[in-house]
């Protein structure tokens, strides 16, 4: 599959619509041996392998692991899989943000389902906007909507927010702001893929005074596409 075809935002929007409207879309799905609630208009991890890749990146890589103690901020939590798993693995404080109100509700449902609602807070927020300014985290993580859409594109459904980023406006803000929310010695990460435009992302990193360090990569088959997933650490340039 040619790079231009993989990165075509209209194909990602078609994937979003198929996942949103298919007749067999479940209310509960199974991932990694656990059951998860799935609400309407929320990214469905059972139809895409990328959420599983996020868990592998954060749980199986020697240098990068979900905090066994301490704190995690997840941006774009969706169904809450990463946030809930972090709490289950022993993380003391987890904050899960999403710009989609249904995703915030979905994350809270799964926190209750798995008994971690006492240490997981689901927040309706456009990236960091709704967080108290004093909060800091040992890890900040975003499995981003890495497909670049035209800057003037307007979302037609809430679920599309999980698939494409018009003009990479959200990516620009994440690169600029994410390291500011870490504790001393904490780290900020971005899960990106070859469906996105890495050249544009690196340009934004330079413009915002950041450097991107590749901590892990994995190539997977996603439908007809061979997609490379990347775990990038965001640091000061």
Foldseek 3Di string as FASTA:
>chain_A
DDLCVLLPLVVLVVVLVCQQDPPPNDQWDDDPRDIAGADHLFDDCVQWVVVVVVQCVAPVAPVHHQDLEWEEEEERCGLNPVQLVSVVSRYQAYEYEYCQPVSLVNNCVRCVVSVNNVRYHRYNDLGCVPPDPPAAGLEYEYAALQREDDQPDDDPTSNCRRNYDHVCPSLLVCLQCVVVRHDVNGWYKYKHKSSHDVVVSCVSCVVNQWDWDWPDWDWDDNPPDTMIITIIIIGGD
